[in-house]
Structures are given as C-alpha cells and as structure tokens.
PDB file of all heavy atoms in Angstrom:
ATOM      1  N   PRO A   1     288.093 163.009 161.793  1.00  0.00           N
ATOM      2  CA  PRO A   1     289.462 163.247 162.280  1.00  0.00           C
ATOM      3  C   PRO A   1     290.471 162.230 161.753  1.00  0.00           C
ATOM      4  O   PRO A   1     291.642 162.568 161.573  1.00  0.00           O
ATOM      5  CB  PRO A   1     289.317 163.144 163.805  1.00  0.00           C
ATOM      6  CG  PRO A   1     288.022 162.438 164.042  1.00  0.00           C
ATOM      7  CD  PRO A   1     287.147 162.784 162.885  1.00  0.00           C
ATOM      8  N   ALA A   2     290.028 161.003 161.487  1.00  0.00           N
ATOM      9  CA  ALA A   2     290.967 159.999 160.958  1.00  0.00           C
ATOM     10  C   ALA A   2     291.471 160.390 159.577  1.00  0.00           C
ATOM     11  O   ALA A   2     292.648 160.207 159.249  1.00  0.00           O
ATOM     12  CB  ALA A   2     290.292 158.631 160.907  1.00  0.00           C
ATOM     13  N   ILE A   3     290.561 160.939 158.767  1.00  0.00           N
ATOM     14  CA  ILE A   3     290.965 161.396 157.426  1.00  0.00           C
ATOM     15  C   ILE A   3     291.780 162.680 157.526  1.00  0.00           C
ATOM     16  O   ILE A   3     292.756 162.868 156.797  1.00  0.00           O
ATOM     17  CB  ILE A   3     289.724 161.600 156.544  1.00  0.00           C
ATOM     18  CG1 ILE A   3     288.978 160.271 156.367  1.00  0.00           C
ATOM     19  CG2 ILE A   3     290.109 162.190 155.190  1.00  0.00           C
ATOM     20  CD1 ILE A   3     287.700 160.401 155.571  1.00  0.00           C
ATOM     21  N   ALA A   4     291.389 163.570 158.434  1.00  0.00           N
ATOM     22  CA  ALA A   4     292.101 164.850 158.579  1.00  0.00           C
ATOM     23  C   ALA A   4     293.558 164.630 158.952  1.00  0.00           C
ATOM     24  O   ALA A   4     294.442 165.378 158.515  1.00  0.00           O
ATOM     25  CB  ALA A   4     291.402 165.703 159.627  1.00  0.00           C
ATOM     26  N   SER A   5     293.840 163.610 159.759  1.00  0.00           N
ATOM     27  CA  SER A   5     295.221 163.358 160.180  1.00  0.00           C
ATOM     28  C   SER A   5     296.092 162.847 159.039  1.00  0.00           C
ATOM     29  O   SER A   5     297.316 162.834 159.154  1.00  0.00           O
ATOM     30  CB  SER A   5     295.232 162.349 161.326  1.00  0.00           C
ATOM     31  OG  SER A   5     294.718 161.094 160.903  1.00  0.00           O
ATOM     32  N   ARG A   6     295.451 162.419 157.935  1.00  0.00           N
ATOM     33  CA  ARG A   6     296.206 161.882 156.801  1.00  0.00           C
ATOM     34  C   ARG A   6     296.269 162.840 155.622  1.00  0.00           C
ATOM     35  O   ARG A   6     296.731 162.484 154.549  1.00  0.00           O
ATOM     36  CB  ARG A   6     295.583 160.561 156.337  1.00  0.00           C
ATOM     37  CG  ARG A   6     295.690 159.442 157.358  1.00  0.00           C
ATOM     38  CD  ARG A   6     295.026 158.182 156.853  1.00  0.00           C
ATOM     39  NE  ARG A   6     295.266 157.047 157.717  1.00  0.00           N
ATOM     40  CZ  ARG A   6     294.545 156.758 158.796  1.00  0.00           C
ATOM     41  NH1 ARG A   6     293.515 157.536 159.130  1.00  0.00           N
ATOM     42  NH2 ARG A   6     294.830 155.704 159.525  1.00  0.00           N
ATOM     43  N   MET A   7     295.824 164.057 155.819  1.00  0.00           N
ATOM     44  CA  MET A   7     295.781 165.013 154.719  1.00  0.00           C
ATOM     45  C   MET A   7     297.170 165.338 154.172  1.00  0.00           C
ATOM     46  O   MET A   7     297.328 165.621 152.983  1.00  0.00           O
ATOM     47  CB  MET A   7     295.097 166.306 155.168  1.00  0.00           C
ATOM     48  CG  MET A   7     293.582 166.262 155.186  1.00  0.00           C
ATOM     49  SD  MET A   7     292.855 166.021 153.547  1.00  0.00           S
ATOM     50  CE  MET A   7     292.425 164.299 153.614  1.00  0.00           C
ATOM     51  N   SER A   8     298.180 165.286 155.034  1.00  0.00           N
ATOM     52  CA  SER A   8     299.522 165.657 154.563  1.00  0.00           C
ATOM     53  C   SER A   8     300.018 164.708 153.475  1.00  0.00           C
ATOM     54  O   SER A   8     300.843 165.088 152.635  1.00  0.00           O
ATOM     55  CB  SER A   8     300.511 165.656 155.732  1.00  0.00           C
ATOM     56  OG  SER A   8     300.557 164.373 156.340  1.00  0.00           O
ATOM     57  N   PHE A   9     299.508 163.479 153.460  1.00  0.00           N
ATOM     58  CA  PHE A   9     299.948 162.528 152.440  1.00  0.00           C
ATOM     59  C   PHE A   9     299.410 162.886 151.054  1.00  0.00           C
ATOM     60  O   PHE A   9     299.913 162.370 150.044  1.00  0.00           O
ATOM     61  CB  PHE A   9     299.510 161.110 152.818  1.00  0.00           C
ATOM     62  CG  PHE A   9     300.169 160.607 154.073  1.00  0.00           C
ATOM     63  CD1 PHE A   9     299.485 160.550 155.271  1.00  0.00           C
ATOM     64  CD2 PHE A   9     301.496 160.209 154.058  1.00  0.00           C
ATOM     65  CE1 PHE A   9     300.098 160.090 156.426  1.00  0.00           C
ATOM     66  CE2 PHE A   9     302.122 159.748 155.207  1.00  0.00           C
ATOM     67  CZ  PHE A   9     301.415 159.692 156.403  1.00  0.00           C
ATOM     68  N   LEU A  10     298.398 163.750 151.015  1.00  0.00           N
ATOM     69  CA  LEU A  10     297.882 164.175 149.713  1.00  0.00           C
ATOM     70  C   LEU A  10     298.936 164.930 148.911  1.00  0.00           C
ATOM     71  O   LEU A  10     298.928 164.893 147.689  1.00  0.00           O
ATOM     72  CB  LEU A  10     296.645 165.051 149.897  1.00  0.00           C
ATOM     73  CG  LEU A  10     295.327 164.342 150.232  1.00  0.00           C
ATOM     74  CD1 LEU A  10     294.219 165.362 150.403  1.00  0.00           C
ATOM     75  CD2 LEU A  10     294.975 163.332 149.147  1.00  0.00           C
ATOM     76  N   ARG A  11     299.861 165.605 149.607  1.00  0.00           N
ATOM     77  CA  ARG A  11     300.903 166.343 148.905  1.00  0.00           C
ATOM     78  C   ARG A  11     301.780 165.383 148.114  1.00  0.00           C
ATOM     79  O   ARG A  11     302.075 165.610 146.936  1.00  0.00           O
ATOM     80  CB  ARG A  11     301.764 167.134 149.898  1.00  0.00           C
ATOM     81  CG  ARG A  11     300.995 168.102 150.752  1.00  0.00           C
ATOM     82  CD  ARG A  11     301.876 168.775 151.770  1.00  0.00           C
ATOM     83  NE  ARG A  11     302.696 169.819 151.168  1.00  0.00           N
ATOM     84  CZ  ARG A  11     303.576 170.534 151.849  1.00  0.00           C
ATOM     85  NH1 ARG A  11     303.761 170.310 153.139  1.00  0.00           N
ATOM     86  NH2 ARG A  11     304.284 171.474 151.248  1.00  0.00           N
ATOM     87  N   TRP A  12     302.173 164.290 148.753  1.00  0.00           N
ATOM     88  CA  TRP A  12     302.997 163.307 148.059  1.00  0.00           C
ATOM     89  C   TRP A  12     302.221 162.629 146.946  1.00  0.00           C
ATOM     90  O   TRP A  12     302.780 162.336 145.885  1.00  0.00           O
ATOM     91  CB  TRP A  12     303.521 162.262 149.051  1.00  0.00           C
ATOM     92  CG  TRP A  12     304.536 162.817 149.984  1.00  0.00           C
ATOM     93  CD1 TRP A  12     304.398 163.029 151.333  1.00  0.00           C
ATOM     94  CD2 TRP A  12     305.855 163.260 149.659  1.00  0.00           C
ATOM     95  NE1 TRP A  12     305.544 163.567 151.854  1.00  0.00           N
ATOM     96  CE2 TRP A  12     306.456 163.715 150.852  1.00  0.00           C
ATOM     97  CE3 TRP A  12     306.585 163.307 148.474  1.00  0.00           C
ATOM     98  CZ2 TRP A  12     307.756 164.212 150.883  1.00  0.00           C
ATOM     99  CZ3 TRP A  12     307.880 163.813 148.513  1.00  0.00           C
ATOM    100  CH2 TRP A  12     308.448 164.253 149.699  1.00  0.00           C
ATOM    101  N   ALA A  13     300.943 162.380 147.187  1.00  0.00           N
ATOM    102  CA  ALA A  13     300.122 161.756 146.149  1.00  0.00           C
ATOM    103  C   ALA A  13     300.046 162.660 144.923  1.00  0.00           C
ATOM    104  O   ALA A  13     300.156 162.195 143.778  1.00  0.00           O
ATOM    105  CB  ALA A  13     298.723 161.459 146.684  1.00  0.00           C
ATOM    106  N   PHE A  14     299.879 163.958 145.154  1.00  0.00           N
ATOM    107  CA  PHE A  14     299.770 164.894 144.039  1.00  0.00           C
ATOM    108  C   PHE A  14     301.087 164.969 143.275  1.00  0.00           C
ATOM    109  O   PHE A  14     301.105 164.962 142.034  1.00  0.00           O
ATOM    110  CB  PHE A  14     299.366 166.274 144.541  1.00  0.00           C
ATOM    111  CG  PHE A  14     299.097 167.255 143.450  1.00  0.00           C
ATOM    112  CD1 PHE A  14     297.872 167.279 142.803  1.00  0.00           C
ATOM    113  CD2 PHE A  14     300.075 168.158 143.036  1.00  0.00           C
ATOM    114  CE1 PHE A  14     297.626 168.179 141.780  1.00  0.00           C
ATOM    115  CE2 PHE A  14     299.837 169.059 142.015  1.00  0.00           C
ATOM    116  CZ  PHE A  14     298.601 169.064 141.388  1.00  0.00           C
ATOM    117  N   VAL A  15     302.206 165.033 144.001  1.00  0.00           N
ATOM    118  CA  VAL A  15     303.512 165.078 143.330  1.00  0.00           C
ATOM    119  C   VAL A  15     303.758 163.778 142.576  1.00  0.00           C
ATOM    120  O   VAL A  15     304.317 163.774 141.466  1.00  0.00           O
ATOM    121  CB  VAL A  15     304.626 165.347 144.355  1.00  0.00           C
ATOM    122  CG1 VAL A  15     305.998 165.234 143.696  1.00  0.00           C
ATOM    123  CG2 VAL A  15     304.466 166.727 144.970  1.00  0.00           C
ATOM    124  N   GLY A  16     303.332 162.640 143.132  1.00  0.00           N
ATOM    125  CA  GLY A  16     303.471 161.376 142.434  1.00  0.00           C
ATOM    126  C   GLY A  16     302.672 161.331 141.146  1.00  0.00           C
ATOM    127  O   GLY A  16     303.154 160.852 140.115  1.00  0.00           O
ATOM    128  N   LEU A  17     301.444 161.840 141.200  1.00  0.00           N
ATOM    129  CA  LEU A  17     300.636 161.914 139.983  1.00  0.00           C
ATOM    130  C   LEU A  17     301.270 162.847 138.953  1.00  0.00           C
ATOM    131  O   LEU A  17     301.235 162.571 137.753  1.00  0.00           O
ATOM    132  CB  LEU A  17     299.221 162.389 140.328  1.00  0.00           C
ATOM    133  CG  LEU A  17     298.360 161.408 141.119  1.00  0.00           C
ATOM    134  CD1 LEU A  17     297.048 162.071 141.543  1.00  0.00           C
ATOM    135  CD2 LEU A  17     298.077 160.156 140.303  1.00  0.00           C
ATOM    136  N   LEU A  18     301.840 163.942 139.437  1.00  0.00           N
ATOM    137  CA  LEU A  18     302.517 164.864 138.532  1.00  0.00           C
ATOM    138  C   LEU A  18     303.715 164.191 137.868  1.00  0.00           C
ATOM    139  O   LEU A  18     303.949 164.363 136.665  1.00  0.00           O
ATOM    140  CB  LEU A  18     302.969 166.104 139.305  1.00  0.00           C
ATOM    141  CG  LEU A  18     303.650 167.212 138.506  1.00  0.00           C
ATOM    142  CD1 LEU A  18     302.735 167.733 137.401  1.00  0.00           C
ATOM    143  CD2 LEU A  18     304.078 168.347 139.422  1.00  0.00           C
ATOM    144  N   LEU A  19     304.459 163.400 138.629  1.00  0.00           N
ATOM    145  CA  LEU A  19     305.595 162.676 138.067  1.00  0.00           C
ATOM    146  C   LEU A  19     305.129 161.688 137.000  1.00  0.00           C
ATOM    147  O   LEU A  19     305.741 161.577 135.925  1.00  0.00           O
ATOM    148  CB  LEU A  19     306.340 161.940 139.179  1.00  0.00           C
ATOM    149  CG  LEU A  19     307.499 161.033 138.736  1.00  0.00           C
ATOM    150  CD1 LEU A  19     308.563 161.843 138.014  1.00  0.00           C
ATOM    151  CD2 LEU A  19     308.093 160.316 139.934  1.00  0.00           C
ATOM    152  N   ALA A  20     304.036 160.984 137.280  1.00  0.00           N
ATOM    153  CA  ALA A  20     303.500 160.046 136.287  1.00  0.00           C
ATOM    154  C   ALA A  20     303.092 160.769 135.012  1.00  0.00           C
ATOM    155  O   ALA A  20     303.341 160.287 133.894  1.00  0.00           O
ATOM    156  CB  ALA A  20     302.318 159.280 136.878  1.00  0.00           C
ATOM    157  N   ALA A  21     302.470 161.945 135.169  1.00  0.00           N
ATOM    158  CA  ALA A  21     302.063 162.712 133.998  1.00  0.00           C
ATOM    159  C   ALA A  21     303.275 163.185 133.191  1.00  0.00           C
ATOM    160  O   ALA A  21     303.244 163.186 131.955  1.00  0.00           O
ATOM    161  CB  ALA A  21     301.223 163.906 134.436  1.00  0.00           C
ATOM    162  N   ILE A  22     304.347 163.564 133.876  1.00  0.00           N
ATOM    163  CA  ILE A  22     305.564 163.994 133.174  1.00  0.00           C
ATOM    164  C   ILE A  22     306.123 162.848 132.341  1.00  0.00           C
ATOM    165  O   ILE A  22     306.470 163.017 131.156  1.00  0.00           O
ATOM    166  CB  ILE A  22     306.615 164.489 134.186  1.00  0.00           C
ATOM    167  CG1 ILE A  22     306.132 165.755 134.905  1.00  0.00           C
ATOM    168  CG2 ILE A  22     307.944 164.767 133.484  1.00  0.00           C
ATOM    169  CD1 ILE A  22     306.988 166.134 136.094  1.00  0.00           C
ATOM    170  N   VAL A  23     306.223 161.680 132.957  1.00  0.00           N
ATOM    171  CA  VAL A  23     306.791 160.527 132.270  1.00  0.00           C
ATOM    172  C   VAL A  23     305.941 160.140 131.054  1.00  0.00           C
ATOM    173  O   VAL A  23     306.464 159.766 129.995  1.00  0.00           O
ATOM    174  CB  VAL A  23     306.916 159.341 133.241  1.00  0.00           C
ATOM    175  CG1 VAL A  23     307.338 158.081 132.505  1.00  0.00           C
ATOM    176  CG2 VAL A  23     307.929 159.677 134.337  1.00  0.00           C
ATOM    177  N   LEU A  24     304.621 160.245 131.186  1.00  0.00           N
ATOM    178  CA  LEU A  24     303.733 159.815 130.105  1.00  0.00           C
ATOM    179  C   LEU A  24     303.635 160.835 128.975  1.00  0.00           C
ATOM    180  O   LEU A  24     303.624 160.471 127.794  1.00  0.00           O
ATOM    181  CB  LEU A  24     302.333 159.536 130.668  1.00  0.00           C
ATOM    182  CG  LEU A  24     302.192 158.286 131.545  1.00  0.00           C
ATOM    183  CD1 LEU A  24     300.806 158.231 132.165  1.00  0.00           C
ATOM    184  CD2 LEU A  24     302.459 157.028 130.728  1.00  0.00           C
ATOM    185  N   TYR A  25     303.551 162.114 129.327  1.00  0.00           N
ATOM    186  CA  TYR A  25     303.201 163.126 128.325  1.00  0.00           C
ATOM    187  C   TYR A  25     304.324 164.103 127.988  1.00  0.00           C
ATOM    188  O   TYR A  25     304.285 164.736 126.930  1.00  0.00           O
ATOM    189  CB  TYR A  25     301.976 163.922 128.796  1.00  0.00           C
ATOM    190  CG  TYR A  25     300.771 163.052 129.028  1.00  0.00           C
ATOM    191  CD1 TYR A  25     300.322 162.781 130.306  1.00  0.00           C
ATOM    192  CD2 TYR A  25     300.090 162.484 127.957  1.00  0.00           C
ATOM    193  CE1 TYR A  25     299.209 161.975 130.533  1.00  0.00           C
ATOM    194  CE2 TYR A  25     298.974 161.672 128.161  1.00  0.00           C
ATOM    195  CZ  TYR A  25     298.549 161.425 129.448  1.00  0.00           C
ATOM    196  OH  TYR A  25     297.447 160.619 129.652  1.00  0.00           O
ATOM    197  N   ARG A  26     305.307 164.261 128.872  1.00  0.00           N
ATOM    198  CA  ARG A  26     306.383 165.203 128.578  1.00  0.00           C
ATOM    199  C   ARG A  26     307.695 164.669 129.147  1.00  0.00           C
ATOM    200  O   ARG A  26     308.322 165.292 130.012  1.00  0.00           O
ATOM    201  CB  ARG A  26     306.056 166.581 129.174  1.00  0.00           C
ATOM    202  CG  ARG A  26     307.014 167.704 128.778  1.00  0.00           C
ATOM    203  CD  ARG A  26     306.856 168.134 127.347  1.00  0.00           C
ATOM    204  NE  ARG A  26     307.770 169.216 127.016  1.00  0.00           N
ATOM    205  CZ  ARG A  26     307.823 169.818 125.831  1.00  0.00           C
ATOM    206  NH1 ARG A  26     306.996 169.439 124.864  1.00  0.00           N
ATOM    207  NH2 ARG A  26     308.674 170.786 125.609  1.00  0.00           N
ATOM    208  N   PRO A  27     308.147 163.517 128.706  1.00  0.00           N
ATOM    209  CA  PRO A  27     309.365 162.924 129.300  1.00  0.00           C
ATOM    210  C   PRO A  27     310.613 163.773 129.088  1.00  0.00           C
ATOM    211  O   PRO A  27     311.571 163.656 129.850  1.00  0.00           O
ATOM    212  CB  PRO A  27     309.464 161.562 128.594  1.00  0.00           C
ATOM    213  CG  PRO A  27     308.700 161.731 127.320  1.00  0.00           C
ATOM    214  CD  PRO A  27     307.580 162.676 127.639  1.00  0.00           C
ATOM    215  N   GLN A  28     310.633 164.603 128.061  1.00  0.00           N
ATOM    216  CA  GLN A  28     311.806 165.446 127.805  1.00  0.00           C
ATOM    217  C   GLN A  28     311.823 166.698 128.659  1.00  0.00           C
ATOM    218  O   GLN A  28     312.811 167.429 128.678  1.00  0.00           O
ATOM    219  CB  GLN A  28     311.881 165.828 126.322  1.00  0.00           C
ATOM    220  CG  GLN A  28     310.840 166.829 125.869  1.00  0.00           C
ATOM    221  CD  GLN A  28     309.528 166.168 125.439  1.00  0.00           C
ATOM    222  OE1 GLN A  28     309.190 165.081 125.911  1.00  0.00           O
ATOM    223  NE2 GLN A  28     308.801 166.818 124.547  1.00  0.00           N
ATOM    224  N   GLY A  29     310.724 166.994 129.384  1.00  0.00           N
ATOM    225  CA  GLY A  29     310.673 168.161 130.246  1.00  0.00           C
ATOM    226  C   GLY A  29     310.208 169.413 129.522  1.00  0.00           C
ATOM    227  O   GLY A  29     310.007 169.431 128.305  1.00  0.00           O
ATOM    228  N   ILE A  30     310.026 170.483 130.301  1.00  0.00           N
ATOM    229  CA  ILE A  30     309.561 171.755 129.729  1.00  0.00           C
ATOM    230  C   ILE A  30     310.601 172.327 128.784  1.00  0.00           C
ATOM    231  O   ILE A  30     310.285 172.798 127.691  1.00  0.00           O
ATOM    232  CB  ILE A  30     309.250 172.763 130.861  1.00  0.00           C
ATOM    233  CG1 ILE A  30     308.136 172.226 131.774  1.00  0.00           C
ATOM    234  CG2 ILE A  30     308.819 174.106 130.267  1.00  0.00           C
ATOM    235  CD1 ILE A  30     307.879 173.101 132.986  1.00  0.00           C
ATOM    236  N   LEU A  31     311.861 172.307 129.208  1.00  0.00           N
ATOM    237  CA  LEU A  31     312.968 172.799 128.372  1.00  0.00           C
ATOM    238  C   LEU A  31     313.896 171.627 128.086  1.00  0.00           C
ATOM    239  O   LEU A  31     314.838 171.365 128.831  1.00  0.00           O
ATOM    240  CB  LEU A  31     313.737 173.918 129.091  1.00  0.00           C
ATOM    241  CG  LEU A  31     312.965 175.194 129.416  1.00  0.00           C
ATOM    242  CD1 LEU A  31     313.835 176.156 130.211  1.00  0.00           C
ATOM    243  CD2 LEU A  31     312.464 175.859 128.144  1.00  0.00           C
ATOM    244  N   PRO A  32     313.649 170.889 127.030  1.00  0.00           N
ATOM    245  CA  PRO A  32     314.467 169.705 126.750  1.00  0.00           C
ATOM    246  C   PRO A  32     315.901 170.080 126.383  1.00  0.00           C
ATOM    247  O   PRO A  32     316.198 171.217 126.005  1.00  0.00           O
ATOM    248  CB  PRO A  32     313.739 169.040 125.585  1.00  0.00           C
ATOM    249  CG  PRO A  32     312.975 170.144 124.935  1.00  0.00           C
ATOM    250  CD  PRO A  32     312.590 171.088 126.034  1.00  0.00           C
ATOM    251  N   GLU A  33     316.752 169.089 126.507  1.00  0.00           N
ATOM    252  CA  GLU A  33     318.149 169.305 126.145  1.00  0.00           C
ATOM    253  C   GLU A  33     318.276 169.595 124.657  1.00  0.00           C
ATOM    254  O   GLU A  33     317.616 168.979 123.823  1.00  0.00           O
ATOM    255  CB  GLU A  33     318.973 168.052 126.478  1.00  0.00           C
ATOM    256  CG  GLU A  33     320.435 168.170 126.110  1.00  0.00           C
ATOM    257  CD  GLU A  33     321.216 166.903 126.376  1.00  0.00           C
ATOM    258  OE1 GLU A  33     320.594 165.896 126.764  1.00  0.00           O
ATOM    259  OE2 GLU A  33     322.442 166.910 126.185  1.00  0.00           O
ATOM    260  N   LYS A  34     319.139 170.548 124.339  1.00  0.00           N
ATOM    261  CA  LYS A  34     319.403 170.895 122.941  1.00  0.00           C
ATOM    262  C   LYS A  34     320.749 170.317 122.533  1.00  0.00           C
ATOM    263  O   LYS A  34     321.731 170.428 123.257  1.00  0.00           O
ATOM    264  CB  LYS A  34     319.419 172.416 122.756  1.00  0.00           C
ATOM    265  CG  LYS A  34     318.074 173.073 123.025  1.00  0.00           C
ATOM    266  CD  LYS A  34     318.177 174.574 122.832  1.00  0.00           C
ATOM    267  CE  LYS A  34     316.844 175.264 123.106  1.00  0.00           C
ATOM    268  NZ  LYS A  34     316.946 176.730 122.956  1.00  0.00           N
TER     269      LYS A  34
END
C-alpha cells in the first residue's frame, strides 16, 4: 500500500523522462521551425 499510494508520481516521472529524451535526441521538436 505504501507504493500504491505513490503511483500517481509515476506520471510526472514519465513526462520528465520524455522531456529529457526530447532535449537529448530531438531538441528541435517533431515539426521544427522553418
């Protein structure tokens, strides 16, 4: 139950990892400025 009560923080962790991946591998974004 202690871990279950903290599951909602996984959403922020996943978005944070996604942000790190964007900065490292695709800093210009999916549709970069032309």
